[in-house]
Amino acid sequence: MRQVVIIMGCLLFGEVFVYLTGIKMPSSIIGMLLLTVSLELGWIKLDWVKGLSDFLTKNMAFFFVPPGVAIMLYLDLIQASFWPIIVASTLGTIIVFACTGWTHQLFMRHKNTFKKNKNS
């Protein structure tokens, strides 16, 4: 029960935050960021949410069925905008790959610098 309360509480916080600030960001993302920060800072213990998160991860495909069916309702709109969707998806993927690679390199450089300073 505690697992559900913690995860749904983070989601609720995200909903309230988006409502109060009017920020144009999905509330679920804000809730997951809150959960991540809380786990990293030790405010929430991993054991408190591990069972439910494992269940949700193992059954993730099941949760994508309703949106997949809903896409079929809008197939005519998707066909009309096929090329813009393909171009945006491709460019978005390339940008995400590049940003992820640069961020990884930055962290590796920082990690190596930290190790050198620690050994000195």
PDB file of N, CA and C in Angstrom:
ATOM      1  N   MET A   1       0.829  -1.190   0.000  1.00  0.00           N
ATOM      2  CA  MET A   1       0.000   0.000   0.000  1.00  0.00           C
ATOM      3  C   MET A   1       0.871   1.251   0.000  1.00  0.00           C
ATOM      4  N   ARG A   2       1.966   1.199   0.776  1.00  0.00           N
ATOM      5  CA  ARG A   2       2.855   2.356   0.861  1.00  0.00           C
ATOM      6  C   ARG A   2       3.456   2.664  -0.509  1.00  0.00           C
ATOM      7  N   GLN A   3       3.752   1.616  -1.291  1.00  0.00           N
ATOM      8  CA  GLN A   3       4.340   1.818  -2.613  1.00  0.00           C
ATOM      9  C   GLN A   3       3.410   2.618  -3.515  1.00  0.00           C
ATOM     10  N   VAL A   4       2.143   2.260  -3.506  1.00  0.00           N
ATOM     11  CA  VAL A   4       1.154   2.962  -4.327  1.00  0.00           C
ATOM     12  C   VAL A   4       1.017   4.406  -3.869  1.00  0.00           C
ATOM     13  N   VAL A   5       0.965   4.617  -2.559  1.00  0.00           N
ATOM     14  CA  VAL A   5       0.809   5.970  -2.016  1.00  0.00           C
ATOM     15  C   VAL A   5       1.996   6.844  -2.412  1.00  0.00           C
ATOM     16  N   ILE A   6       3.201   6.316  -2.336  1.00  0.00           N
ATOM     17  CA  ILE A   6       4.390   7.103  -2.680  1.00  0.00           C
ATOM     18  C   ILE A   6       4.392   7.468  -4.160  1.00  0.00           C
ATOM     19  N   ILE A   7       4.189   6.488  -5.025  1.00  0.00           N
ATOM     20  CA  ILE A   7       4.237   6.755  -6.465  1.00  0.00           C
ATOM     21  C   ILE A   7       3.082   7.655  -6.890  1.00  0.00           C
ATOM     22  N   MET A   8       1.882   7.381  -6.405  1.00  0.00           N
ATOM     23  CA  MET A   8       0.741   8.230  -6.753  1.00  0.00           C
ATOM     24  C   MET A   8       0.864   9.617  -6.120  1.00  0.00           C
ATOM     25  N   GLY A   9       1.489   9.685  -4.942  1.00  0.00           N
ATOM     26  CA  GLY A   9       1.723  10.982  -4.307  1.00  0.00           C
ATOM     27  C   GLY A   9       2.643  11.850  -5.148  1.00  0.00           C
ATOM     28  N   CYS A  10       3.680  11.249  -5.708  1.00  0.00           N
ATOM     29  CA  CYS A  10       4.578  11.996  -6.596  1.00  0.00           C
ATOM     30  C   CYS A  10       3.833  12.457  -7.845  1.00  0.00           C
ATOM     31  N   LEU A  11       2.991  11.588  -8.392  1.00  0.00           N
ATOM     32  CA  LEU A  11       2.189  11.964  -9.553  1.00  0.00           C
ATOM     33  C   LEU A  11       1.223  13.088  -9.202  1.00  0.00           C
ATOM     34  N   LEU A  12       0.581  13.002  -8.044  1.00  0.00           N
ATOM     35  CA  LEU A  12      -0.339  14.054  -7.600  1.00  0.00           C
ATOM     36  C   LEU A  12       0.397  15.377  -7.420  1.00  0.00           C
ATOM     37  N   PHE A  13       1.594  15.326  -6.828  1.00  0.00           N
ATOM     38  CA  PHE A  13       2.389  16.542  -6.682  1.00  0.00           C
ATOM     39  C   PHE A  13       2.663  17.165  -8.047  1.00  0.00           C
ATOM     40  N   GLY A  14       2.992  16.332  -9.033  1.00  0.00           N
ATOM     41  CA  GLY A  14       3.222  16.831 -10.389  1.00  0.00           C
ATOM     42  C   GLY A  14       1.983  17.493 -10.962  1.00  0.00           C
ATOM     43  N   GLU A  15       0.814  16.884 -10.745  1.00  0.00           N
ATOM     44  CA  GLU A  15      -0.449  17.464 -11.225  1.00  0.00           C
ATOM     45  C   GLU A  15      -0.699  18.827 -10.591  1.00  0.00           C
ATOM     46  N   VAL A  16      -0.535  18.908  -9.272  1.00  0.00           N
ATOM     47  CA  VAL A  16      -0.767  20.166  -8.552  1.00  0.00           C
ATOM     48  C   VAL A  16       0.239  21.219  -9.005  1.00  0.00           C
ATOM     49  N   PHE A  17       1.493  20.822  -9.167  1.00  0.00           N
ATOM     50  CA  PHE A  17       2.536  21.756  -9.592  1.00  0.00           C
ATOM     51  C   PHE A  17       2.215  22.346 -10.960  1.00  0.00           C
ATOM     52  N   VAL A  18       1.823  21.496 -11.913  1.00  0.00           N
ATOM     53  CA  VAL A  18       1.476  21.969 -13.256  1.00  0.00           C
ATOM     54  C   VAL A  18       0.256  22.879 -13.197  1.00  0.00           C
ATOM     55  N   TYR A  19      -0.733  22.515 -12.398  1.00  0.00           N
ATOM     56  CA  TYR A  19      -1.949  23.327 -12.277  1.00  0.00           C
ATOM     57  C   TYR A  19      -1.631  24.702 -11.703  1.00  0.00           C
ATOM     58  N   LEU A  20      -0.821  24.746 -10.640  1.00  0.00           N
ATOM     59  CA  LEU A  20      -0.534  26.021  -9.970  1.00  0.00           C
ATOM     60  C   LEU A  20       0.413  26.910 -10.766  1.00  0.00           C
ATOM     61  N   THR A  21       1.374  26.318 -11.449  1.00  0.00           N
ATOM     62  CA  THR A  21       2.364  27.120 -12.173  1.00  0.00           C
ATOM     63  C   THR A  21       1.981  27.365 -13.626  1.00  0.00           C
ATOM     64  N   GLY A  22       1.137  26.510 -14.188  1.00  0.00           N
ATOM     65  CA  GLY A  22       0.773  26.651 -15.594  1.00  0.00           C
ATOM     66  C   GLY A  22       1.904  26.261 -16.539  1.00  0.00           C
ATOM     67  N   ILE A  23       2.907  25.575 -16.018  1.00  0.00           N
ATOM     68  CA  ILE A  23       4.053  25.165 -16.830  1.00  0.00           C
ATOM     69  C   ILE A  23       3.587  24.179 -17.897  1.00  0.00           C
ATOM     70  N   LYS A  24       4.166  24.272 -19.077  1.00  0.00           N
ATOM     71  CA  LYS A  24       3.784  23.398 -20.190  1.00  0.00           C
ATOM     72  C   LYS A  24       4.679  22.161 -20.213  1.00  0.00           C
ATOM     73  N   MET A  25       4.476  21.308 -19.222  1.00  0.00           N
ATOM     74  CA  MET A  25       5.256  20.074 -19.099  1.00  0.00           C
ATOM     75  C   MET A  25       4.331  19.007 -18.533  1.00  0.00           C
ATOM     76  N   PRO A  26       4.447  17.770 -18.996  1.00  0.00           N
ATOM     77  CA  PRO A  26       3.572  16.722 -18.463  1.00  0.00           C
ATOM     78  C   PRO A  26       3.768  16.539 -16.957  1.00  0.00           C
ATOM     79  N   SER A  27       2.667  16.468 -16.250  1.00  0.00           N
ATOM     80  CA  SER A  27       2.729  16.324 -14.792  1.00  0.00           C
ATOM     81  C   SER A  27       3.383  15.007 -14.386  1.00  0.00           C
ATOM     82  N   SER A  28       3.247  13.985 -15.208  1.00  0.00           N
ATOM     83  CA  SER A  28       3.873  12.699 -14.879  1.00  0.00           C
ATOM     84  C   SER A  28       5.396  12.808 -14.894  1.00  0.00           C
ATOM     85  N   ILE A  29       5.935  13.627 -15.777  1.00  0.00           N
ATOM     86  CA  ILE A  29       7.389  13.833 -15.824  1.00  0.00           C
ATOM     87  C   ILE A  29       7.852  14.535 -14.553  1.00  0.00           C
ATOM     88  N   ILE A  30       7.121  15.547 -14.136  1.00  0.00           N
ATOM     89  CA  ILE A  30       7.475  16.264 -12.907  1.00  0.00           C
ATOM     90  C   ILE A  30       7.383  15.320 -11.712  1.00  0.00           C
ATOM     91  N   GLY A  31       6.353  14.489 -11.672  1.00  0.00           N
ATOM     92  CA  GLY A  31       6.218  13.517 -10.593  1.00  0.00           C
ATOM     93  C   GLY A  31       7.365  12.524 -10.562  1.00  0.00           C
ATOM     94  N   MET A  32       7.782  12.043 -11.744  1.00  0.00           N
ATOM     95  CA  MET A  32       8.899  11.099 -11.790  1.00  0.00           C
ATOM     96  C   MET A  32      10.216  11.779 -11.416  1.00  0.00           C
ATOM     97  N   LEU A  33      10.370  13.057 -11.793  1.00  0.00           N
ATOM     98  CA  LEU A  33      11.561  13.798 -11.363  1.00  0.00           C
ATOM     99  C   LEU A  33      11.586  13.930  -9.846  1.00  0.00           C
ATOM    100  N   LEU A  34      10.427  14.214  -9.253  1.00  0.00           N
ATOM    101  CA  LEU A  34      10.344  14.301  -7.793  1.00  0.00           C
ATOM    102  C   LEU A  34      10.707  12.959  -7.160  1.00  0.00           C
ATOM    103  N   LEU A  35      10.190  11.875  -7.713  1.00  0.00           N
ATOM    104  CA  LEU A  35      10.504  10.546  -7.192  1.00  0.00           C
ATOM    105  C   LEU A  35      11.998  10.253  -7.315  1.00  0.00           C
ATOM    106  N   THR A  36      12.586  10.593  -8.456  1.00  0.00           N
ATOM    107  CA  THR A  36      14.018  10.365  -8.660  1.00  0.00           C
ATOM    108  C   THR A  36      14.858  11.161  -7.671  1.00  0.00           C
ATOM    109  N   VAL A  37      14.530  12.441  -7.515  1.00  0.00           N
ATOM    110  CA  VAL A  37      15.271  13.288  -6.568  1.00  0.00           C
ATOM    111  C   VAL A  37      15.106  12.756  -5.150  1.00  0.00           C
ATOM    112  N   SER A  38      13.894  12.352  -4.800  1.00  0.00           N
ATOM    113  CA  SER A  38      13.640  11.825  -3.456  1.00  0.00           C
ATOM    114  C   SER A  38      14.427  10.544  -3.195  1.00  0.00           C
ATOM    115  N   LEU A  39      14.538   9.695  -4.211  1.00  0.00           N
ATOM    116  CA  LEU A  39      15.335   8.471  -4.072  1.00  0.00           C
ATOM    117  C   LEU A  39      16.822   8.803  -3.947  1.00  0.00           C
ATOM    118  N   GLU A  40      17.295   9.731  -4.765  1.00  0.00           N
ATOM    119  CA  GLU A  40      18.717  10.100  -4.728  1.00  0.00           C
ATOM    120  C   GLU A  40      19.104  10.744  -3.400  1.00  0.00           C
ATOM    121  N   LEU A  41      18.214  11.562  -2.844  1.00  0.00           N
ATOM    122  CA  LEU A  41      18.513  12.248  -1.586  1.00  0.00           C
ATOM    123  C   LEU A  41      18.240  11.383  -0.360  1.00  0.00           C
ATOM    124  N   GLY A  42      17.651  10.210  -0.582  1.00  0.00           N
ATOM    125  CA  GLY A  42      17.390   9.303   0.530  1.00  0.00           C
ATOM    126  C   GLY A  42      16.107   9.601   1.288  1.00  0.00           C
ATOM    127  N   TRP A  43      15.292  10.511   0.775  1.00  0.00           N
ATOM    128  CA  TRP A  43      14.008  10.806   1.424  1.00  0.00           C
ATOM    129  C   TRP A  43      13.073   9.616   1.295  1.00  0.00           C
ATOM    130  N   ILE A  44      13.192   8.905   0.177  1.00  0.00           N
ATOM    131  CA  ILE A  44      12.410   7.693  -0.075  1.00  0.00           C
ATOM    132  C   ILE A  44      13.411   6.565  -0.276  1.00  0.00           C
ATOM    133  N   LYS A  45      13.186   5.444   0.387  1.00  0.00           N
ATOM    134  CA  LYS A  45      14.061   4.280   0.247  1.00  0.00           C
ATOM    135  C   LYS A  45      13.607   3.449  -0.955  1.00  0.00           C
ATOM    136  N   LEU A  46      14.565   2.892  -1.675  1.00  0.00           N
ATOM    137  CA  LEU A  46      14.259   2.094  -2.860  1.00  0.00           C
ATOM    138  C   LEU A  46      13.339   0.926  -2.520  1.00  0.00           C
ATOM    139  N   ASP A  47      13.544   0.304  -1.374  1.00  0.00           N
ATOM    140  CA  ASP A  47      12.708  -0.831  -0.969  1.00  0.00           C
ATOM    141  C   ASP A  47      11.236  -0.442  -0.848  1.00  0.00           C
ATOM    142  N   TRP A  48      10.971   0.827  -0.569  1.00  0.00           N
ATOM    143  CA  TRP A  48       9.593   1.283  -0.392  1.00  0.00           C
ATOM    144  C   TRP A  48       8.803   1.260  -1.697  1.00  0.00           C
ATOM    145  N   VAL A  49       9.480   1.351  -2.850  1.00  0.00           N
ATOM    146  CA  VAL A  49       8.774   1.414  -4.132  1.00  0.00           C
ATOM    147  C   VAL A  49       9.201   0.316  -5.107  1.00  0.00           C
ATOM    148  N   LYS A  50      10.150  -0.509  -4.731  1.00  0.00           N
ATOM    149  CA  LYS A  50      10.713  -1.503  -5.653  1.00  0.00           C
ATOM    150  C   LYS A  50       9.686  -2.516  -6.149  1.00  0.00           C
ATOM    151  N   GLY A  51       8.847  -3.028  -5.281  1.00  0.00           N
ATOM    152  CA  GLY A  51       7.879  -4.049  -5.691  1.00  0.00           C
ATOM    153  C   GLY A  51       6.924  -3.560  -6.767  1.00  0.00           C
ATOM    154  N   LEU A  52       6.320  -2.405  -6.540  1.00  0.00           N
ATOM    155  CA  LEU A  52       5.368  -1.863  -7.511  1.00  0.00           C
ATOM    156  C   LEU A  52       6.072  -1.435  -8.792  1.00  0.00           C
ATOM    157  N   SER A  53       7.246  -0.836  -8.665  1.00  0.00           N
ATOM    158  CA  SER A  53       7.959  -0.402  -9.869  1.00  0.00           C
ATOM    159  C   SER A  53       8.389  -1.605 -10.708  1.00  0.00           C
ATOM    160  N   ASP A  54       8.792  -2.695 -10.070  1.00  0.00           N
ATOM    161  CA  ASP A  54       9.122  -3.917 -10.816  1.00  0.00           C
ATOM    162  C   ASP A  54       7.893  -4.464 -11.536  1.00  0.00           C
ATOM    163  N   PHE A  55       6.748  -4.472 -10.851  1.00  0.00           N
ATOM    164  CA  PHE A  55       5.506  -4.943 -11.466  1.00  0.00           C
ATOM    165  C   PHE A  55       5.141  -4.088 -12.679  1.00  0.00           C
ATOM    166  N   LEU A  56       5.202  -2.768 -12.520  1.00  0.00           N
ATOM    167  CA  LEU A  56       4.843  -1.869 -13.617  1.00  0.00           C
ATOM    168  C   LEU A  56       5.800  -2.025 -14.797  1.00  0.00           C
ATOM    169  N   THR A  57       7.075  -2.210 -14.511  1.00  0.00           N
ATOM    170  CA  THR A  57       8.060  -2.382 -15.580  1.00  0.00           C
ATOM    171  C   THR A  57       7.836  -3.696 -16.325  1.00  0.00           C
ATOM    172  N   LYS A  58       7.577  -4.774 -15.596  1.00  0.00           N
ATOM    173  CA  LYS A  58       7.357  -6.080 -16.231  1.00  0.00           C
ATOM    174  C   LYS A  58       6.094  -6.098 -17.089  1.00  0.00           C
ATOM    175  N   ASN A  59       5.101  -5.295 -16.736  1.00  0.00           N
ATOM    176  CA  ASN A  59       3.829  -5.285 -17.456  1.00  0.00           C
ATOM    177  C   ASN A  59       3.648  -4.033 -18.304  1.00  0.00           C
ATOM    178  N   MET A  60       4.743  -3.389 -18.660  1.00  0.00           N
ATOM    179  CA  MET A  60       4.673  -2.136 -19.403  1.00  0.00           C
ATOM    180  C   MET A  60       3.961  -2.292 -20.749  1.00  0.00           C
ATOM    181  N   ALA A  61       4.187  -3.388 -21.439  1.00  0.00           N
ATOM    182  CA  ALA A  61       3.557  -3.593 -22.747  1.00  0.00           C
ATOM    183  C   ALA A  61       2.040  -3.558 -22.634  1.00  0.00           C
ATOM    184  N   PHE A  62       1.505  -4.091 -21.559  1.00  0.00           N
ATOM    185  CA  PHE A  62       0.057  -4.090 -21.341  1.00  0.00           C
ATOM    186  C   PHE A  62      -0.499  -2.668 -21.287  1.00  0.00           C
ATOM    187  N   PHE A  63       0.272  -1.739 -20.733  1.00  0.00           N
ATOM    188  CA  PHE A  63      -0.199  -0.365 -20.589  1.00  0.00           C
ATOM    189  C   PHE A  63      -0.134   0.419 -21.896  1.00  0.00           C
ATOM    190  N   PHE A  64       0.557  -0.105 -22.907  1.00  0.00           N
ATOM    191  CA  PHE A  64       0.628   0.571 -24.192  1.00  0.00           C
ATOM    192  C   PHE A  64      -0.468   0.123 -25.158  1.00  0.00           C
ATOM    193  N   VAL A  65      -1.249  -0.880 -24.812  1.00  0.00           N
ATOM    194  CA  VAL A  65      -2.305  -1.363 -25.702  1.00  0.00           C
ATOM    195  C   VAL A  65      -3.387  -0.303 -25.925  1.00  0.00           C
ATOM    196  N   PRO A  66      -3.956   0.327 -24.888  1.00  0.00           N
ATOM    197  CA  PRO A  66      -4.997   1.336 -25.141  1.00  0.00           C
ATOM    198  C   PRO A  66      -4.531   2.505 -26.013  1.00  0.00           C
ATOM    199  N   PRO A  67      -3.345   3.081 -25.788  1.00  0.00           N
ATOM    200  CA  PRO A  67      -2.918   4.143 -26.703  1.00  0.00           C
ATOM    201  C   PRO A  67      -2.712   3.633 -28.127  1.00  0.00           C
ATOM    202  N   GLY A  68      -2.251   2.395 -28.268  1.00  0.00           N
ATOM    203  CA  GLY A  68      -2.073   1.831 -29.602  1.00  0.00           C
ATOM    204  C   GLY A  68      -3.393   1.693 -30.337  1.00  0.00           C
ATOM    205  N   VAL A  69      -4.418   1.285 -29.624  1.00  0.00           N
ATOM    206  CA  VAL A  69      -5.753   1.179 -30.224  1.00  0.00           C
ATOM    207  C   VAL A  69      -6.285   2.569 -30.556  1.00  0.00           C
ATOM    208  N   ALA A  70      -6.045   3.540 -29.687  1.00  0.00           N
ATOM    209  CA  ALA A  70      -6.523   4.906 -29.918  1.00  0.00           C
ATOM    210  C   ALA A  70      -5.880   5.518 -31.161  1.00  0.00           C
ATOM    211  N   ILE A  71      -4.646   5.134 -31.448  1.00  0.00           N
ATOM    212  CA  ILE A  71      -3.978   5.646 -32.653  1.00  0.00           C
ATOM    213  C   ILE A  71      -4.761   5.244 -33.898  1.00  0.00           C
ATOM    214  N   MET A  72      -5.354   4.071 -33.885  1.00  0.00           N
ATOM    215  CA  MET A  72      -6.130   3.605 -35.038  1.00  0.00           C
ATOM    216  C   MET A  72      -7.311   4.525 -35.335  1.00  0.00           C
ATOM    217  N   LEU A  73      -7.845   5.178 -34.317  1.00  0.00           N
ATOM    218  CA  LEU A  73      -8.961   6.096 -34.524  1.00  0.00           C
ATOM    219  C   LEU A  73      -8.543   7.332 -35.317  1.00  0.00           C
ATOM    220  N   TYR A  74      -7.264   7.675 -35.232  1.00  0.00           N
ATOM    221  CA  TYR A  74      -6.764   8.882 -35.884  1.00  0.00           C
ATOM    222  C   TYR A  74      -5.836   8.564 -37.048  1.00  0.00           C
ATOM    223  N   LEU A  75      -5.998   7.399 -37.638  1.00  0.00           N
ATOM    224  CA  LEU A  75      -5.125   6.971 -38.719  1.00  0.00           C
ATOM    225  C   LEU A  75      -5.181   7.924 -39.910  1.00  0.00           C
ATOM    226  N   ASP A  76      -6.342   8.491 -40.207  1.00  0.00           N
ATOM    227  CA  ASP A  76      -6.450   9.429 -41.331  1.00  0.00           C
ATOM    228  C   ASP A  76      -5.627  10.694 -41.082  1.00  0.00           C
ATOM    229  N   LEU A  77      -5.611  11.187 -39.847  1.00  0.00           N
ATOM    230  CA  LEU A  77      -4.789  12.356 -39.515  1.00  0.00           C
ATOM    231  C   LEU A  77      -3.304  12.024 -39.593  1.00  0.00           C
ATOM    232  N   ILE A  78      -2.959  10.829 -39.153  1.00  0.00           N
ATOM    233  CA  ILE A  78      -1.557  10.410 -39.198  1.00  0.00           C
ATOM    234  C   ILE A  78      -1.097  10.282 -40.649  1.00  0.00           C
ATOM    235  N   GLN A  79      -1.947   9.717 -41.503  1.00  0.00           N
ATOM    236  CA  GLN A  79      -1.581   9.575 -42.912  1.00  0.00           C
ATOM    237  C   GLN A  79      -1.421  10.933 -43.579  1.00  0.00           C
ATOM    238  N   ALA A  80      -2.257  11.891 -43.214  1.00  0.00           N
ATOM    239  CA  ALA A  80      -2.179  13.228 -43.804  1.00  0.00           C
ATOM    240  C   ALA A  80      -0.896  13.945 -43.393  1.00  0.00           C
ATOM    241  N   SER A  81      -0.392  13.646 -42.226  1.00  0.00           N
ATOM    242  CA  SER A  81       0.823  14.308 -41.716  1.00  0.00           C
ATOM    243  C   SER A  81       1.993  13.338 -41.620  1.00  0.00           C
ATOM    244  N   PHE A  82       2.014  12.333 -42.464  1.00  0.00           N
ATOM    245  CA  PHE A  82       3.014  11.276 -42.361  1.00  0.00           C
ATOM    246  C   PHE A  82       4.447  11.807 -42.410  1.00  0.00           C
ATOM    247  N   TRP A  83       4.789  12.590 -43.444  1.00  0.00           N
ATOM    248  CA  TRP A  83       6.173  13.048 -43.592  1.00  0.00           C
ATOM    249  C   TRP A  83       6.609  13.999 -42.485  1.00  0.00           C
ATOM    250  N   PRO A  84       5.789  14.961 -42.075  1.00  0.00           N
ATOM    251  CA  PRO A  84       6.218  15.788 -40.932  1.00  0.00           C
ATOM    252  C   PRO A  84       6.454  14.963 -39.662  1.00  0.00           C
ATOM    253  N   ILE A  85       5.635  13.940 -39.454  1.00  0.00           N
ATOM    254  CA  ILE A  85       5.820  13.076 -38.282  1.00  0.00           C
ATOM    255  C   ILE A  85       7.141  12.317 -38.389  1.00  0.00           C
ATOM    256  N   ILE A  86       7.438  11.768 -39.568  1.00  0.00           N
ATOM    257  CA  ILE A  86       8.680  11.013 -39.775  1.00  0.00           C
ATOM    258  C   ILE A  86       9.897  11.918 -39.595  1.00  0.00           C
ATOM    259  N   VAL A  87       9.861  13.108 -40.195  1.00  0.00           N
ATOM    260  CA  VAL A  87      10.997  14.036 -40.090  1.00  0.00           C
ATOM    261  C   VAL A  87      11.202  14.469 -38.642  1.00  0.00           C
ATOM    262  N   ALA A  88      10.117  14.840 -37.957  1.00  0.00           N
ATOM    263  CA  ALA A  88      10.233  15.274 -36.561  1.00  0.00           C
ATOM    264  C   ALA A  88      10.746  14.143 -35.674  1.00  0.00           C
ATOM    265  N   SER A  89      10.261  12.937 -35.892  1.00  0.00           N
ATOM    266  CA  SER A  89      10.713  11.789 -35.092  1.00  0.00           C
ATOM    267  C   SER A  89      12.189  11.486 -35.338  1.00  0.00           C
ATOM    268  N   THR A  90      12.602  11.528 -36.593  1.00  0.00           N
ATOM    269  CA  THR A  90      14.002  11.249 -36.929  1.00  0.00           C
ATOM    270  C   THR A  90      14.929  12.312 -36.356  1.00  0.00           C
ATOM    271  N   LEU A  91      14.599  13.580 -36.585  1.00  0.00           N
ATOM    272  CA  LEU A  91      15.433  14.660 -36.048  1.00  0.00           C
ATOM    273  C   LEU A  91      15.460  14.627 -34.522  1.00  0.00           C
ATOM    274  N   GLY A  92      14.318  14.380 -33.916  1.00  0.00           N
ATOM    275  CA  GLY A  92      14.260  14.298 -32.459  1.00  0.00           C
ATOM    276  C   GLY A  92      15.136  13.183 -31.918  1.00  0.00           C
ATOM    277  N   THR A  93      15.122  12.040 -32.589  1.00  0.00           N
ATOM    278  CA  THR A  93      15.950  10.910 -32.165  1.00  0.00           C
ATOM    279  C   THR A  93      17.434  11.245 -32.292  1.00  0.00           C
ATOM    280  N   ILE A  94      17.817  11.865 -33.395  1.00  0.00           N
ATOM    281  CA  ILE A  94      19.222  12.247 -33.592  1.00  0.00           C
ATOM    282  C   ILE A  94      19.663  13.247 -32.526  1.00  0.00           C
ATOM    283  N   ILE A  95      18.822  14.224 -32.227  1.00  0.00           N
ATOM    284  CA  ILE A  95      19.154  15.224 -31.205  1.00  0.00           C
ATOM    285  C   ILE A  95      19.293  14.570 -29.834  1.00  0.00           C
ATOM    286  N   VAL A  96      18.390  13.650 -29.508  1.00  0.00           N
ATOM    287  CA  VAL A  96      18.473  12.955 -28.215  1.00  0.00           C
ATOM    288  C   VAL A  96      19.754  12.126 -28.139  1.00  0.00           C
ATOM    289  N   PHE A  97      20.098  11.409 -29.212  1.00  0.00           N
ATOM    290  CA  PHE A  97      21.351  10.637 -29.226  1.00  0.00           C
ATOM    291  C   PHE A  97      22.554  11.545 -29.003  1.00  0.00           C
ATOM    292  N   ALA A  98      22.595  12.674 -29.712  1.00  0.00           N
ATOM    293  CA  ALA A  98      23.729  13.595 -29.593  1.00  0.00           C
ATOM    294  C   ALA A  98      23.829  14.161 -28.179  1.00  0.00           C
ATOM    295  N   CYS A  99      22.712  14.612 -27.637  1.00  0.00           N
ATOM    296  CA  CYS A  99      22.723  15.176 -26.279  1.00  0.00           C
ATOM    297  C   CYS A  99      23.114  14.129 -25.243  1.00  0.00           C
ATOM    298  N   THR A 100      22.630  12.913 -25.417  1.00  0.00           N
ATOM    299  CA  THR A 100      22.987  11.841 -24.487  1.00  0.00           C
ATOM    300  C   THR A 100      24.479  11.538 -24.561  1.00  0.00           C
ATOM    301  N   GLY A 101      25.019  11.469 -25.761  1.00  0.00           N
ATOM    302  CA  GLY A 101      26.450  11.217 -25.926  1.00  0.00           C
ATOM    303  C   GLY A 101      27.300  12.322 -25.321  1.00  0.00           C
ATOM    304  N   TRP A 102      26.931  13.574 -25.577  1.00  0.00           N
ATOM    305  CA  TRP A 102      27.693  14.694 -25.022  1.00  0.00           C
ATOM    306  C   TRP A 102      27.605  14.717 -23.497  1.00  0.00           C
ATOM    307  N   THR A 103      26.424  14.436 -22.975  1.00  0.00           N
ATOM    308  CA  THR A 103      26.266  14.413 -21.520  1.00  0.00           C
ATOM    309  C   THR A 103      27.104  13.298 -20.908  1.00  0.00           C
ATOM    310  N   HIS A 104      27.101  12.135 -21.547  1.00  0.00           N
ATOM    311  CA  HIS A 104      27.907  11.015 -21.052  1.00  0.00           C
ATOM    312  C   HIS A 104      29.392  11.383 -21.052  1.00  0.00           C
ATOM    313  N   GLN A 105      29.855  11.991 -22.136  1.00  0.00           N
ATOM    314  CA  GLN A 105      31.258  12.408 -22.204  1.00  0.00           C
ATOM    315  C   GLN A 105      31.582  13.421 -21.113  1.00  0.00           C
ATOM    316  N   LEU A 106      30.679  14.350 -20.874  1.00  0.00           N
ATOM    317  CA  LEU A 106      30.883  15.354 -19.827  1.00  0.00           C
ATOM    318  C   LEU A 106      31.004  14.690 -18.460  1.00  0.00           C
ATOM    319  N   PHE A 107      30.109  13.747 -18.166  1.00  0.00           N
ATOM    320  CA  PHE A 107      30.159  13.054 -16.885  1.00  0.00           C
ATOM    321  C   PHE A 107      31.417  12.197 -16.753  1.00  0.00           C
ATOM    322  N   MET A 108      31.832  11.546 -17.835  1.00  0.00           N
ATOM    323  CA  MET A 108      33.044  10.727 -17.778  1.00  0.00           C
ATOM    324  C   MET A 108      34.271  11.607 -17.536  1.00  0.00           C
ATOM    325  N   ARG A 109      34.328  12.771 -18.191  1.00  0.00           N
ATOM    326  CA  ARG A 109      35.424  13.700 -17.963  1.00  0.00           C
ATOM    327  C   ARG A 109      35.433  14.170 -16.513  1.00  0.00           C
ATOM    328  N   HIS A 110      34.242  14.494 -16.006  1.00  0.00           N
ATOM    329  CA  HIS A 110      34.121  14.956 -14.623  1.00  0.00           C
ATOM    330  C   HIS A 110      34.506  13.840 -13.654  1.00  0.00           C
ATOM    331  N   LYS A 111      34.110  12.619 -13.958  1.00  0.00           N
ATOM    332  CA  LYS A 111      34.431  11.471 -13.109  1.00  0.00           C
ATOM    333  C   LYS A 111      35.943  11.245 -13.070  1.00  0.00           C
ATOM    334  N   ASN A 112      36.592  11.318 -14.234  1.00  0.00           N
ATOM    335  CA  ASN A 112      38.041  11.133 -14.292  1.00  0.00           C
ATOM    336  C   ASN A 112      38.764  12.243 -13.544  1.00  0.00           C
ATOM    337  N   THR A 113      38.290  13.480 -13.661  1.00  0.00           N
ATOM    338  CA  THR A 113      38.883  14.597 -12.927  1.00  0.00           C
ATOM    339  C   THR A 113      38.729  14.387 -11.437  1.00  0.00           C
ATOM    340  N   PHE A 114      37.563  13.916 -11.012  1.00  0.00           N
ATOM    341  CA  PHE A 114      37.316  13.671  -9.595  1.00  0.00           C
ATOM    342  C   PHE A 114      38.250  12.588  -9.067  1.00  0.00           C
ATOM    343  N   LYS A 115      38.438  11.514  -9.853  1.00  0.00           N
ATOM    344  CA  LYS A 115      39.332  10.427  -9.432  1.00  0.00           C
ATOM    345  C   LYS A 115      40.770  10.919  -9.306  1.00  0.00           C
ATOM    346  N   LYS A 116      41.221  11.760 -10.265  1.00  0.00           N
ATOM    347  CA  LYS A 116      42.582  12.288 -10.211  1.00  0.00           C
ATOM    348  C   LYS A 116      42.775  13.152  -8.969  1.00  0.00           C
ATOM    349  N   ASN A 117      41.791  14.010  -8.672  1.00  0.00           N
ATOM    350  CA  ASN A 117      41.879  14.875  -7.497  1.00  0.00           C
ATOM    351  C   ASN A 117      41.828  14.066  -6.207  1.00  0.00           C
ATOM    352  N   LYS A 118      41.069  12.995  -6.200  1.00  0.00           N
ATOM    353  CA  LYS A 118      40.925  12.163  -5.010  1.00  0.00           C
ATOM    354  C   LYS A 118      42.226  11.419  -4.716  1.00  0.00           C
ATOM    355  N   ASN A 119      42.907  10.963  -5.777  1.00  0.00           N
ATOM    356  CA  ASN A 119      44.157  10.221  -5.608  1.00  0.00           C
ATOM    357  C   ASN A 119      45.338  11.123  -5.251  1.00  0.00           C
ATOM    358  N   SER A 120      45.233  12.409  -5.521  1.00  0.00           N
ATOM    359  CA  SER A 120      46.344  13.337  -5.237  1.00  0.00           C
ATOM    360  C   SER A 120      46.482  13.639  -3.778  1.00  0.00           C
TER     361      SER A 120
END
